[in-house]
Structures are given as C-alpha cells and as structure tokens.
Amino acid sequence: TRSLSRADIQAQVRARKEQFDEANEKMTARSGRNLLSAILIGVVL
C-alpha cells in the first residue's frame, strides 16, 4: 500500500509538472519569451 501511494504521488507530481510545462510553453509561444524566467529575473533586478 505504501509503495502504491508513493507511486501515485510521483505520478501526480509528474502530471502537474507536465501541465505546468505545457502551460509555460503556450505562454512562451504567445509572448515570445519564457515567462517564468522573465518574472524571476525581473523581480530580482
């Protein structure tokens, strides 16, 4: 049961990461730049 739970959590993490990457790619395509990196660097500067 613990093994299955850990596997489920890992699968959910991968799924969320894929969704985030897909959303980030769409925003990058529309805006012409990596929005996440742009925001982080902009905040630091």
PDB file of all heavy atoms in Angstrom:
ATOM      1  N   THR A   1       0.835  -1.203   0.000  1.00  0.00           N
ATOM      2  CA  THR A   1       0.000   0.000   0.000  1.00  0.00           C
ATOM      3  C   THR A   1       0.868   1.250   0.000  1.00  0.00           C
ATOM      4  O   THR A   1       0.627   2.199  -0.747  1.00  0.00           O
ATOM      5  CB  THR A   1      -0.924   0.006   1.237  1.00  0.00           C
ATOM      6  OG1 THR A   1      -1.710  -1.163   1.222  1.00  0.00           O
ATOM      7  CG2 THR A   1      -1.812   1.236   1.230  1.00  0.00           C
ATOM      8  N   ARG A   2       1.945   1.238   0.848  1.00  0.00           N
ATOM      9  CA  ARG A   2       2.837   2.384   0.883  1.00  0.00           C
ATOM     10  C   ARG A   2       3.525   2.583  -0.453  1.00  0.00           C
ATOM     11  O   ARG A   2       3.696   3.686  -0.936  1.00  0.00           O
ATOM     12  CB  ARG A   2       3.879   2.176   1.980  1.00  0.00           C
ATOM     13  CG  ARG A   2       3.308   2.321   3.387  1.00  0.00           C
ATOM     14  CD  ARG A   2       4.397   2.094   4.415  1.00  0.00           C
ATOM     15  NE  ARG A   2       3.883   2.228   5.761  1.00  0.00           N
ATOM     16  CZ  ARG A   2       4.592   1.989   6.847  1.00  0.00           C
ATOM     17  NH1 ARG A   2       5.857   1.580   6.730  1.00  0.00           N
ATOM     18  NH2 ARG A   2       4.058   2.139   8.043  1.00  0.00           N
ATOM     19  N   SER A   3       3.918   1.498  -1.066  1.00  0.00           N
ATOM     20  CA  SER A   3       4.583   1.577  -2.369  1.00  0.00           C
ATOM     21  C   SER A   3       3.665   2.185  -3.413  1.00  0.00           C
ATOM     22  O   SER A   3       4.059   3.037  -4.193  1.00  0.00           O
ATOM     23  CB  SER A   3       5.052   0.185  -2.800  1.00  0.00           C
ATOM     24  OG  SER A   3       5.662   0.243  -4.059  1.00  0.00           O
ATOM     25  N   LEU A   4       2.403   1.721  -3.407  1.00  0.00           N
ATOM     26  CA  LEU A   4       1.433   2.258  -4.365  1.00  0.00           C
ATOM     27  C   LEU A   4       1.181   3.732  -4.097  1.00  0.00           C
ATOM     28  O   LEU A   4       1.057   4.535  -5.011  1.00  0.00           O
ATOM     29  CB  LEU A   4       0.130   1.455  -4.288  1.00  0.00           C
ATOM     30  CG  LEU A   4       0.183   0.030  -4.837  1.00  0.00           C
ATOM     31  CD1 LEU A   4      -1.129  -0.689  -4.576  1.00  0.00           C
ATOM     32  CD2 LEU A   4       0.480   0.056  -6.332  1.00  0.00           C
ATOM     33  N   SER A   5       1.094   4.139  -2.858  1.00  0.00           N
ATOM     34  CA  SER A   5       0.849   5.535  -2.509  1.00  0.00           C
ATOM     35  C   SER A   5       2.005   6.404  -2.991  1.00  0.00           C
ATOM     36  O   SER A   5       1.799   7.487  -3.539  1.00  0.00           O
ATOM     37  CB  SER A   5       0.674   5.673  -0.996  1.00  0.00           C
ATOM     38  OG  SER A   5      -0.441   4.946  -0.559  1.00  0.00           O
ATOM     39  N   ARG A   6       3.227   5.925  -2.796  1.00  0.00           N
ATOM     40  CA  ARG A   6       4.383   6.674  -3.250  1.00  0.00           C
ATOM     41  C   ARG A   6       4.387   6.788  -4.765  1.00  0.00           C
ATOM     42  O   ARG A   6       4.681   7.857  -5.324  1.00  0.00           O
ATOM     43  CB  ARG A   6       5.672   5.988  -2.773  1.00  0.00           C
ATOM     44  CG  ARG A   6       6.930   6.819  -2.998  1.00  0.00           C
ATOM     45  CD  ARG A   6       8.170   6.121  -2.500  1.00  0.00           C
ATOM     46  NE  ARG A   6       8.090   5.832  -1.076  1.00  0.00           N
ATOM     47  CZ  ARG A   6       8.026   4.605  -0.573  1.00  0.00           C
ATOM     48  NH1 ARG A   6       8.024   3.551  -1.397  1.00  0.00           N
ATOM     49  NH2 ARG A   6       7.971   4.402   0.724  1.00  0.00           N
ATOM     50  N   ALA A   7       4.016   5.733  -5.427  1.00  0.00           N
ATOM     51  CA  ALA A   7       3.950   5.747  -6.891  1.00  0.00           C
ATOM     52  C   ALA A   7       2.867   6.716  -7.363  1.00  0.00           C
ATOM     53  O   ALA A   7       3.057   7.435  -8.354  1.00  0.00           O
ATOM     54  CB  ALA A   7       3.674   4.344  -7.417  1.00  0.00           C
ATOM     55  N   ASP A   8       1.730   6.728  -6.655  1.00  0.00           N
ATOM     56  CA  ASP A   8       0.657   7.657  -7.017  1.00  0.00           C
ATOM     57  C   ASP A   8       1.114   9.100  -6.866  1.00  0.00           C
ATOM     58  O   ASP A   8       0.825   9.961  -7.718  1.00  0.00           O
ATOM     59  CB  ASP A   8      -0.580   7.408  -6.138  1.00  0.00           C
ATOM     60  CG  ASP A   8      -1.260   6.082  -6.477  1.00  0.00           C
ATOM     61  OD1 ASP A   8      -1.014   5.571  -7.586  1.00  0.00           O
ATOM     62  OD2 ASP A   8      -2.014   5.588  -5.621  1.00  0.00           O
ATOM     63  N   ILE A   9       1.805   9.372  -5.772  1.00  0.00           N
ATOM     64  CA  ILE A   9       2.294  10.734  -5.548  1.00  0.00           C
ATOM     65  C   ILE A   9       3.273  11.148  -6.640  1.00  0.00           C
ATOM     66  O   ILE A   9       3.199  12.255  -7.189  1.00  0.00           O
ATOM     67  CB  ILE A   9       2.964  10.837  -4.158  1.00  0.00           C
ATOM     68  CG1 ILE A   9       1.911  10.667  -3.059  1.00  0.00           C
ATOM     69  CG2 ILE A   9       3.673  12.179  -4.009  1.00  0.00           C
ATOM     70  CD1 ILE A   9       2.507  10.586  -1.672  1.00  0.00           C
ATOM     71  N   GLN A  10       4.179  10.245  -6.995  1.00  0.00           N
ATOM     72  CA  GLN A  10       5.145  10.551  -8.041  1.00  0.00           C
ATOM     73  C   GLN A  10       4.462  10.777  -9.376  1.00  0.00           C
ATOM     74  O   GLN A  10       4.845  11.670 -10.151  1.00  0.00           O
ATOM     75  CB  GLN A  10       6.161   9.409  -8.151  1.00  0.00           C
ATOM     76  CG  GLN A  10       7.097   9.295  -6.943  1.00  0.00           C
ATOM     77  CD  GLN A  10       7.995   8.078  -7.029  1.00  0.00           C
ATOM     78  OE1 GLN A  10       7.765   7.184  -7.850  1.00  0.00           O
ATOM     79  NE2 GLN A  10       9.024   8.036  -6.181  1.00  0.00           N
ATOM     80  N   ALA A  11       3.422   9.983  -9.649  1.00  0.00           N
ATOM     81  CA  ALA A  11       2.679  10.154 -10.894  1.00  0.00           C
ATOM     82  C   ALA A  11       1.968  11.502 -10.927  1.00  0.00           C
ATOM     83  O   ALA A  11       1.929  12.185 -11.962  1.00  0.00           O
ATOM     84  CB  ALA A  11       1.655   9.016 -11.057  1.00  0.00           C
ATOM     85  N   GLN A  12       1.396  11.907  -9.788  1.00  0.00           N
ATOM     86  CA  GLN A  12       0.722  13.187  -9.718  1.00  0.00           C
ATOM     87  C   GLN A  12       1.710  14.341  -9.904  1.00  0.00           C
ATOM     88  O   GLN A  12       1.400  15.328 -10.582  1.00  0.00           O
ATOM     89  CB  GLN A  12      -0.006  13.327  -8.373  1.00  0.00           C
ATOM     90  CG  GLN A  12      -1.218  12.408  -8.233  1.00  0.00           C
ATOM     91  CD  GLN A  12      -1.878  12.538  -6.871  1.00  0.00           C
ATOM     92  OE1 GLN A  12      -1.481  13.366  -6.057  1.00  0.00           O
ATOM     93  NE2 GLN A  12      -2.882  11.708  -6.620  1.00  0.00           N
ATOM     94  N   VAL A  13       2.892  14.202  -9.298  1.00  0.00           N
ATOM     95  CA  VAL A  13       3.912  15.237  -9.449  1.00  0.00           C
ATOM     96  C   VAL A  13       4.331  15.375 -10.911  1.00  0.00           C
ATOM     97  O   VAL A  13       4.453  16.478 -11.443  1.00  0.00           O
ATOM     98  CB  VAL A  13       5.142  14.922  -8.566  1.00  0.00           C
ATOM     99  CG1 VAL A  13       6.297  15.863  -8.904  1.00  0.00           C
ATOM    100  CG2 VAL A  13       4.768  15.039  -7.092  1.00  0.00           C
ATOM    101  N   ARG A  14       4.535  14.223 -11.573  1.00  0.00           N
ATOM    102  CA  ARG A  14       4.905  14.266 -12.996  1.00  0.00           C
ATOM    103  C   ARG A  14       3.804  14.893 -13.836  1.00  0.00           C
ATOM    104  O   ARG A  14       4.070  15.665 -14.756  1.00  0.00           O
ATOM    105  CB  ARG A  14       5.217  12.851 -13.491  1.00  0.00           C
ATOM    106  CG  ARG A  14       6.575  12.295 -13.041  1.00  0.00           C
ATOM    107  CD  ARG A  14       6.954  11.070 -13.857  1.00  0.00           C
ATOM    108  NE  ARG A  14       5.991   9.994 -13.666  1.00  0.00           N
ATOM    109  CZ  ARG A  14       6.105   9.052 -12.736  1.00  0.00           C
ATOM    110  NH1 ARG A  14       7.145   9.072 -11.911  1.00  0.00           N
ATOM    111  NH2 ARG A  14       5.203   8.094 -12.624  1.00  0.00           N
ATOM    112  N   ALA A  15       2.549  14.544 -13.505  1.00  0.00           N
ATOM    113  CA  ALA A  15       1.422  15.086 -14.257  1.00  0.00           C
ATOM    114  C   ALA A  15       1.337  16.601 -14.094  1.00  0.00           C
ATOM    115  O   ALA A  15       1.112  17.342 -15.062  1.00  0.00           O
ATOM    116  CB  ALA A  15       0.109  14.432 -13.804  1.00  0.00           C
ATOM    117  N   ARG A  16       1.509  17.086 -12.849  1.00  0.00           N
ATOM    118  CA  ARG A  16       1.469  18.533 -12.601  1.00  0.00           C
ATOM    119  C   ARG A  16       2.604  19.241 -13.320  1.00  0.00           C
ATOM    120  O   ARG A  16       2.429  20.335 -13.871  1.00  0.00           O
ATOM    121  CB  ARG A  16       1.554  18.809 -11.098  1.00  0.00           C
ATOM    122  CG  ARG A  16       0.369  18.304 -10.292  1.00  0.00           C
ATOM    123  CD  ARG A  16      -0.897  19.118 -10.617  1.00  0.00           C
ATOM    124  NE  ARG A  16      -2.018  18.674  -9.799  1.00  0.00           N
ATOM    125  CZ  ARG A  16      -2.865  17.710 -10.131  1.00  0.00           C
ATOM    126  NH1 ARG A  16      -2.693  17.084 -11.305  1.00  0.00           N
ATOM    127  NH2 ARG A  16      -3.866  17.376  -9.354  1.00  0.00           N
ATOM    128  N   LYS A  17       3.782  18.610 -13.300  1.00  0.00           N
ATOM    129  CA  LYS A  17       4.933  19.216 -13.989  1.00  0.00           C
ATOM    130  C   LYS A  17       4.682  19.298 -15.482  1.00  0.00           C
ATOM    131  O   LYS A  17       5.013  20.302 -16.129  1.00  0.00           O
ATOM    132  CB  LYS A  17       6.197  18.409 -13.707  1.00  0.00           C
ATOM    133  CG  LYS A  17       7.468  19.029 -14.284  1.00  0.00           C
ATOM    134  CD  LYS A  17       8.690  18.220 -13.959  1.00  0.00           C
ATOM    135  CE  LYS A  17       9.952  18.895 -14.462  1.00  0.00           C
ATOM    136  NZ  LYS A  17       9.912  19.125 -15.930  1.00  0.00           N
ATOM    137  N   GLU A  18       4.101  18.249 -16.060  1.00  0.00           N
ATOM    138  CA  GLU A  18       3.803  18.267 -17.488  1.00  0.00           C
ATOM    139  C   GLU A  18       2.776  19.348 -17.817  1.00  0.00           C
ATOM    140  O   GLU A  18       2.884  20.031 -18.836  1.00  0.00           O
ATOM    141  CB  GLU A  18       3.285  16.890 -17.918  1.00  0.00           C
ATOM    142  CG  GLU A  18       4.370  15.807 -17.910  1.00  0.00           C
ATOM    143  CD  GLU A  18       3.798  14.430 -18.220  1.00  0.00           C
ATOM    144  OE1 GLU A  18       2.560  14.346 -18.391  1.00  0.00           O
ATOM    145  OE2 GLU A  18       4.580  13.465 -18.284  1.00  0.00           O
ATOM    146  N   GLN A  19       1.768  19.497 -16.953  1.00  0.00           N
ATOM    147  CA  GLN A  19       0.772  20.535 -17.166  1.00  0.00           C
ATOM    148  C   GLN A  19       1.395  21.920 -17.085  1.00  0.00           C
ATOM    149  O   GLN A  19       1.098  22.803 -17.898  1.00  0.00           O
ATOM    150  CB  GLN A  19      -0.352  20.411 -16.133  1.00  0.00           C
ATOM    151  CG  GLN A  19      -1.231  19.180 -16.312  1.00  0.00           C
ATOM    152  CD  GLN A  19      -2.247  19.040 -15.199  1.00  0.00           C
ATOM    153  OE1 GLN A  19      -2.258  19.821 -14.235  1.00  0.00           O
ATOM    154  NE2 GLN A  19      -3.107  18.041 -15.305  1.00  0.00           N
ATOM    155  N   PHE A  20       2.290  22.109 -16.087  1.00  0.00           N
ATOM    156  CA  PHE A  20       2.962  23.396 -15.939  1.00  0.00           C
ATOM    157  C   PHE A  20       3.844  23.690 -17.148  1.00  0.00           C
ATOM    158  O   PHE A  20       3.844  24.808 -17.674  1.00  0.00           O
ATOM    159  CB  PHE A  20       3.805  23.395 -14.663  1.00  0.00           C
ATOM    160  CG  PHE A  20       4.607  24.645 -14.468  1.00  0.00           C
ATOM    161  CD1 PHE A  20       4.029  25.787 -13.947  1.00  0.00           C
ATOM    162  CD2 PHE A  20       5.962  24.676 -14.811  1.00  0.00           C
ATOM    163  CE1 PHE A  20       4.777  26.941 -13.773  1.00  0.00           C
ATOM    164  CE2 PHE A  20       6.704  25.827 -14.648  1.00  0.00           C
ATOM    165  CZ  PHE A  20       6.108  26.961 -14.124  1.00  0.00           C
ATOM    166  N   ASP A  21       4.616  22.693 -17.589  1.00  0.00           N
ATOM    167  CA  ASP A  21       5.487  22.889 -18.746  1.00  0.00           C
ATOM    168  C   ASP A  21       4.680  23.207 -19.996  1.00  0.00           C
ATOM    169  O   ASP A  21       5.081  24.055 -20.804  1.00  0.00           O
ATOM    170  CB  ASP A  21       6.338  21.632 -18.992  1.00  0.00           C
ATOM    171  CG  ASP A  21       7.374  21.418 -17.890  1.00  0.00           C
ATOM    172  OD1 ASP A  21       7.675  22.386 -17.177  1.00  0.00           O
ATOM    173  OD2 ASP A  21       7.855  20.264 -17.749  1.00  0.00           O
ATOM    174  N   GLU A  22       3.537  22.516 -20.150  1.00  0.00           N
ATOM    175  CA  GLU A  22       2.690  22.774 -21.316  1.00  0.00           C
ATOM    176  C   GLU A  22       2.137  24.193 -21.285  1.00  0.00           C
ATOM    177  O   GLU A  22       2.125  24.886 -22.306  1.00  0.00           O
ATOM    178  CB  GLU A  22       1.538  21.768 -21.346  1.00  0.00           C
ATOM    179  CG  GLU A  22       0.645  21.911 -22.577  1.00  0.00           C
ATOM    180  CD  GLU A  22      -0.483  20.890 -22.583  1.00  0.00           C
ATOM    181  OE1 GLU A  22      -0.492  20.011 -21.694  1.00  0.00           O
ATOM    182  OE2 GLU A  22      -1.351  20.986 -23.479  1.00  0.00           O
ATOM    183  N   ALA A  23       1.668  24.630 -20.100  1.00  0.00           N
ATOM    184  CA  ALA A  23       1.147  25.990 -19.972  1.00  0.00           C
ATOM    185  C   ALA A  23       2.237  27.023 -20.214  1.00  0.00           C
ATOM    186  O   ALA A  23       2.019  28.046 -20.871  1.00  0.00           O
ATOM    187  CB  ALA A  23       0.534  26.187 -18.588  1.00  0.00           C
ATOM    188  N   ASN A  24       3.449  26.740 -19.699  1.00  0.00           N
ATOM    189  CA  ASN A  24       4.563  27.661 -19.887  1.00  0.00           C
ATOM    190  C   ASN A  24       4.967  27.748 -21.353  1.00  0.00           C
ATOM    191  O   ASN A  24       5.297  28.827 -21.860  1.00  0.00           O
ATOM    192  CB  ASN A  24       5.752  27.201 -19.044  1.00  0.00           C
ATOM    193  CG  ASN A  24       6.834  28.257 -18.932  1.00  0.00           C
ATOM    194  OD1 ASN A  24       6.528  29.436 -18.828  1.00  0.00           O
ATOM    195  ND2 ASN A  24       8.082  27.831 -18.946  1.00  0.00           N
ATOM    196  N   GLU A  25       4.928  26.620 -22.063  1.00  0.00           N
ATOM    197  CA  GLU A  25       5.256  26.624 -23.489  1.00  0.00           C
ATOM    198  C   GLU A  25       4.234  27.431 -24.287  1.00  0.00           C
ATOM    199  O   GLU A  25       4.592  28.140 -25.221  1.00  0.00           O
ATOM    200  CB  GLU A  25       5.302  25.181 -24.011  1.00  0.00           C
ATOM    201  CG  GLU A  25       6.530  24.404 -23.536  1.00  0.00           C
ATOM    202  CD  GLU A  25       6.511  22.961 -24.022  1.00  0.00           C
ATOM    203  OE1 GLU A  25       5.564  22.614 -24.761  1.00  0.00           O
ATOM    204  OE2 GLU A  25       7.416  22.195 -23.658  1.00  0.00           O
ATOM    205  N   LYS A  26       2.952  27.321 -23.909  1.00  0.00           N
ATOM    206  CA  LYS A  26       1.918  28.090 -24.607  1.00  0.00           C
ATOM    207  C   LYS A  26       2.125  29.589 -24.400  1.00  0.00           C
ATOM    208  O   LYS A  26       2.015  30.375 -25.338  1.00  0.00           O
ATOM    209  CB  LYS A  26       0.534  27.672 -24.108  1.00  0.00           C
ATOM    210  CG  LYS A  26       0.100  26.293 -24.566  1.00  0.00           C
ATOM    211  CD  LYS A  26      -1.290  25.959 -24.050  1.00  0.00           C
ATOM    212  CE  LYS A  26      -1.739  24.581 -24.528  1.00  0.00           C
ATOM    213  NZ  LYS A  26      -3.092  24.232 -24.007  1.00  0.00           N
ATOM    214  N   MET A  27       2.434  29.986 -23.140  1.00  0.00           N
ATOM    215  CA  MET A  27       2.666  31.402 -22.862  1.00  0.00           C
ATOM    216  C   MET A  27       3.925  31.899 -23.561  1.00  0.00           C
ATOM    217  O   MET A  27       3.970  33.032 -24.046  1.00  0.00           O
ATOM    218  CB  MET A  27       2.763  31.622 -21.356  1.00  0.00           C
ATOM    219  CG  MET A  27       1.442  31.509 -20.636  1.00  0.00           C
ATOM    220  SD  MET A  27       1.530  31.998 -18.893  1.00  0.00           S
ATOM    221  CE  MET A  27       2.511  30.655 -18.215  1.00  0.00           C
ATOM    222  N   THR A  28       4.939  31.041 -23.633  1.00  0.00           N
ATOM    223  CA  THR A  28       6.167  31.418 -24.324  1.00  0.00           C
ATOM    224  C   THR A  28       5.909  31.625 -25.810  1.00  0.00           C
ATOM    225  O   THR A  28       6.424  32.558 -26.424  1.00  0.00           O
ATOM    226  CB  THR A  28       7.246  30.337 -24.118  1.00  0.00           C
ATOM    227  OG1 THR A  28       7.512  30.203 -22.714  1.00  0.00           O
ATOM    228  CG2 THR A  28       8.535  30.709 -24.838  1.00  0.00           C
ATOM    229  N   ALA A  29       5.080  30.746 -26.390  1.00  0.00           N
ATOM    230  CA  ALA A  29       4.754  30.866 -27.813  1.00  0.00           C
ATOM    231  C   ALA A  29       3.983  32.146 -28.100  1.00  0.00           C
ATOM    232  O   ALA A  29       4.193  32.807 -29.120  1.00  0.00           O
ATOM    233  CB  ALA A  29       3.944  29.655 -28.263  1.00  0.00           C
ATOM    234  N   ARG A  30       3.093  32.522 -27.176  1.00  0.00           N
ATOM    235  CA  ARG A  30       2.279  33.716 -27.387  1.00  0.00           C
ATOM    236  C   ARG A  30       3.048  34.996 -27.099  1.00  0.00           C
ATOM    237  O   ARG A  30       2.868  36.001 -27.789  1.00  0.00           O
ATOM    238  CB  ARG A  30       1.030  33.674 -26.497  1.00  0.00           C
ATOM    239  CG  ARG A  30       0.058  32.573 -26.860  1.00  0.00           C
ATOM    240  CD  ARG A  30      -1.167  32.613 -25.960  1.00  0.00           C
ATOM    241  NE  ARG A  30      -1.936  33.838 -26.179  1.00  0.00           N
ATOM    242  CZ  ARG A  30      -3.018  34.166 -25.467  1.00  0.00           C
ATOM    243  NH1 ARG A  30      -3.425  33.384 -24.488  1.00  0.00           N
ATOM    244  NH2 ARG A  30      -3.668  35.285 -25.717  1.00  0.00           N
ATOM    245  N   SER A  31       3.895  34.953 -26.086  1.00  0.00           N
ATOM    246  CA  SER A  31       4.587  36.175 -25.679  1.00  0.00           C
ATOM    247  C   SER A  31       5.972  36.323 -26.294  1.00  0.00           C
ATOM    248  O   SER A  31       6.525  37.412 -26.326  1.00  0.00           O
ATOM    249  CB  SER A  31       4.735  36.207 -24.150  1.00  0.00           C
ATOM    250  OG  SER A  31       5.532  35.132 -23.709  1.00  0.00           O
ATOM    251  N   GLY A  32       6.541  35.212 -26.759  1.00  0.00           N
ATOM    252  CA  GLY A  32       7.860  35.263 -27.347  1.00  0.00           C
ATOM    253  C   GLY A  32       8.998  35.161 -26.354  1.00  0.00           C
ATOM    254  O   GLY A  32      10.154  35.361 -26.689  1.00  0.00           O
ATOM    255  N   ARG A  33       8.699  34.865 -25.074  1.00  0.00           N
ATOM    256  CA  ARG A  33       9.746  34.708 -24.081  1.00  0.00           C
ATOM    257  C   ARG A  33       9.285  33.771 -22.976  1.00  0.00           C
ATOM    258  O   ARG A  33       8.084  33.583 -22.770  1.00  0.00           O
ATOM    259  CB  ARG A  33      10.152  36.053 -23.477  1.00  0.00           C
ATOM    260  CG  ARG A  33       9.017  36.831 -22.832  1.00  0.00           C
ATOM    261  CD  ARG A  33       9.512  38.150 -22.289  1.00  0.00           C
ATOM    262  NE  ARG A  33       8.432  38.978 -21.793  1.00  0.00           N
ATOM    263  CZ  ARG A  33       8.593  40.134 -21.176  1.00  0.00           C
ATOM    264  NH1 ARG A  33       9.798  40.602 -20.993  1.00  0.00           N
ATOM    265  NH2 ARG A  33       7.565  40.833 -20.760  1.00  0.00           N
ATOM    266  N   ASN A  34      10.271  33.202 -22.265  1.00  0.00           N
ATOM    267  CA  ASN A  34       9.976  32.322 -21.149  1.00  0.00           C
ATOM    268  C   ASN A  34       9.463  33.164 -19.991  1.00  0.00           C
ATOM    269  O   ASN A  34      10.229  33.869 -19.324  1.00  0.00           O
ATOM    270  CB  ASN A  34      11.234  31.555 -20.730  1.00  0.00           C
ATOM    271  CG  ASN A  34      10.935  30.478 -19.701  1.00  0.00           C
ATOM    272  OD1 ASN A  34      10.230  30.704 -18.728  1.00  0.00           O
ATOM    273  ND2 ASN A  34      11.486  29.296 -19.932  1.00  0.00           N
ATOM    274  N   LEU A  35       8.167  33.089 -19.740  1.00  0.00           N
ATOM    275  CA  LEU A  35       7.541  33.995 -18.792  1.00  0.00           C
ATOM    276  C   LEU A  35       8.045  33.781 -17.373  1.00  0.00           C
ATOM    277  O   LEU A  35       8.300  34.736 -16.640  1.00  0.00           O
ATOM    278  CB  LEU A  35       6.018  33.829 -18.843  1.00  0.00           C
ATOM    279  CG  LEU A  35       5.198  34.866 -18.063  1.00  0.00           C
ATOM    280  CD1 LEU A  35       5.484  36.256 -18.571  1.00  0.00           C
ATOM    281  CD2 LEU A  35       3.714  34.544 -18.163  1.00  0.00           C
ATOM    282  N   LEU A  36       8.205  32.527 -16.959  1.00  0.00           N
ATOM    283  CA  LEU A  36       8.637  32.250 -15.595  1.00  0.00           C
ATOM    284  C   LEU A  36      10.029  32.814 -15.336  1.00  0.00           C
ATOM    285  O   LEU A  36      10.262  33.501 -14.325  1.00  0.00           O
ATOM    286  CB  LEU A  36       8.622  30.745 -15.333  1.00  0.00           C
ATOM    287  CG  LEU A  36       9.054  30.308 -13.928  1.00  0.00           C
ATOM    288  CD1 LEU A  36       8.131  30.910 -12.873  1.00  0.00           C
ATOM    289  CD2 LEU A  36       9.068  28.785 -13.823  1.00  0.00           C
ATOM    290  N   SER A  37      10.955  32.539 -16.232  1.00  0.00           N
ATOM    291  CA  SER A  37      12.313  33.071 -16.075  1.00  0.00           C
ATOM    292  C   SER A  37      12.311  34.595 -16.115  1.00  0.00           C
ATOM    293  O   SER A  37      13.032  35.250 -15.355  1.00  0.00           O
ATOM    294  CB  SER A  37      13.227  32.519 -17.182  1.00  0.00           C
ATOM    295  OG  SER A  37      13.347  31.120 -17.084  1.00  0.00           O
ATOM    296  N   ALA A  38      11.497  35.148 -16.999  1.00  0.00           N
ATOM    297  CA  ALA A  38      11.422  36.602 -17.119  1.00  0.00           C
ATOM    298  C   ALA A  38      10.937  37.233 -15.825  1.00  0.00           C
ATOM    299  O   ALA A  38      11.464  38.249 -15.366  1.00  0.00           O
ATOM    300  CB  ALA A  38      10.495  36.986 -18.278  1.00  0.00           C
ATOM    301  N   ILE A  39       9.913  36.639 -15.215  1.00  0.00           N
ATOM    302  CA  ILE A  39       9.364  37.186 -13.973  1.00  0.00           C
ATOM    303  C   ILE A  39      10.394  37.096 -12.845  1.00  0.00           C
ATOM    304  O   ILE A  39      10.604  38.059 -12.107  1.00  0.00           O
ATOM    305  CB  ILE A  39       8.070  36.445 -13.587  1.00  0.00           C
ATOM    306  CG1 ILE A  39       6.957  36.782 -14.592  1.00  0.00           C
ATOM    307  CG2 ILE A  39       7.635  36.823 -12.175  1.00  0.00           C
ATOM    308  CD1 ILE A  39       5.688  35.997 -14.384  1.00  0.00           C
ATOM    309  N   LEU A  40      11.040  35.942 -12.712  1.00  0.00           N
ATOM    310  CA  LEU A  40      12.011  35.751 -11.634  1.00  0.00           C
ATOM    311  C   LEU A  40      13.174  36.735 -11.751  1.00  0.00           C
ATOM    312  O   LEU A  40      13.565  37.383 -10.771  1.00  0.00           O
ATOM    313  CB  LEU A  40      12.535  34.311 -11.647  1.00  0.00           C
ATOM    314  CG  LEU A  40      11.536  33.225 -11.229  1.00  0.00           C
ATOM    315  CD1 LEU A  40      12.155  31.840 -11.395  1.00  0.00           C
ATOM    316  CD2 LEU A  40      11.083  33.426  -9.784  1.00  0.00           C
ATOM    317  N   ILE A  41      13.721  36.859 -12.943  1.00  0.00           N
ATOM    318  CA  ILE A  41      14.843  37.775 -13.144  1.00  0.00           C
ATOM    319  C   ILE A  41      14.389  39.214 -12.972  1.00  0.00           C
ATOM    320  O   ILE A  41      15.093  40.043 -12.381  1.00  0.00           O
ATOM    321  CB  ILE A  41      15.468  37.560 -14.539  1.00  0.00           C
ATOM    322  CG1 ILE A  41      16.158  36.194 -14.588  1.00  0.00           C
ATOM    323  CG2 ILE A  41      16.471  38.659 -14.862  1.00  0.00           C
ATOM    324  CD1 ILE A  41      16.708  35.829 -15.932  1.00  0.00           C
ATOM    325  N   GLY A  42      13.189  39.531 -13.460  1.00  0.00           N
ATOM    326  CA  GLY A  42      12.651  40.876 -13.301  1.00  0.00           C
ATOM    327  C   GLY A  42      12.478  41.253 -11.842  1.00  0.00           C
ATOM    328  O   GLY A  42      12.792  42.379 -11.435  1.00  0.00           O
ATOM    329  N   VAL A  43      11.988  40.326 -11.039  1.00  0.00           N
ATOM    330  CA  VAL A  43      11.803  40.581  -9.604  1.00  0.00           C
ATOM    331  C   VAL A  43      13.143  40.828  -8.919  1.00  0.00           C
ATOM    332  O   VAL A  43      13.289  41.741  -8.092  1.00  0.00           O
ATOM    333  CB  VAL A  43      11.061  39.404  -8.937  1.00  0.00           C
ATOM    334  CG1 VAL A  43      11.112  39.528  -7.422  1.00  0.00           C
ATOM    335  CG2 VAL A  43       9.611  39.354  -9.415  1.00  0.00           C
ATOM    336  N   VAL A  44      14.148  40.013  -9.258  1.00  0.00           N
ATOM    337  CA  VAL A  44      15.475  40.175  -8.657  1.00  0.00           C
ATOM    338  C   VAL A  44      16.076  41.536  -9.022  1.00  0.00           C
ATOM    339  O   VAL A  44      16.574  42.276  -8.151  1.00  0.00           O
ATOM    340  CB  VAL A  44      16.421  39.042  -9.101  1.00  0.00           C
ATOM    341  CG1 VAL A  44      17.847  39.331  -8.640  1.00  0.00           C
ATOM    342  CG2 VAL A  44      15.950  37.711  -8.528  1.00  0.00           C
ATOM    343  N   LEU A  45      16.030  41.890 -10.301  1.00  0.00           N
ATOM    344  CA  LEU A  45      16.572  43.176 -10.743  1.00  0.00           C
ATOM    345  C   LEU A  45      15.844  44.339 -10.086  1.00  0.00           C
ATOM    346  O   LEU A  45      16.461  45.327  -9.660  1.00  0.00           O
ATOM    347  CB  LEU A  45      16.498  43.283 -12.266  1.00  0.00           C
ATOM    348  CG  LEU A  45      17.440  42.395 -13.070  1.00  0.00           C
ATOM    349  CD1 LEU A  45      17.193  42.549 -14.556  1.00  0.00           C
ATOM    350  CD2 LEU A  45      18.891  42.714 -12.746  1.00  0.00           C
TER     351      LEU A  45
END
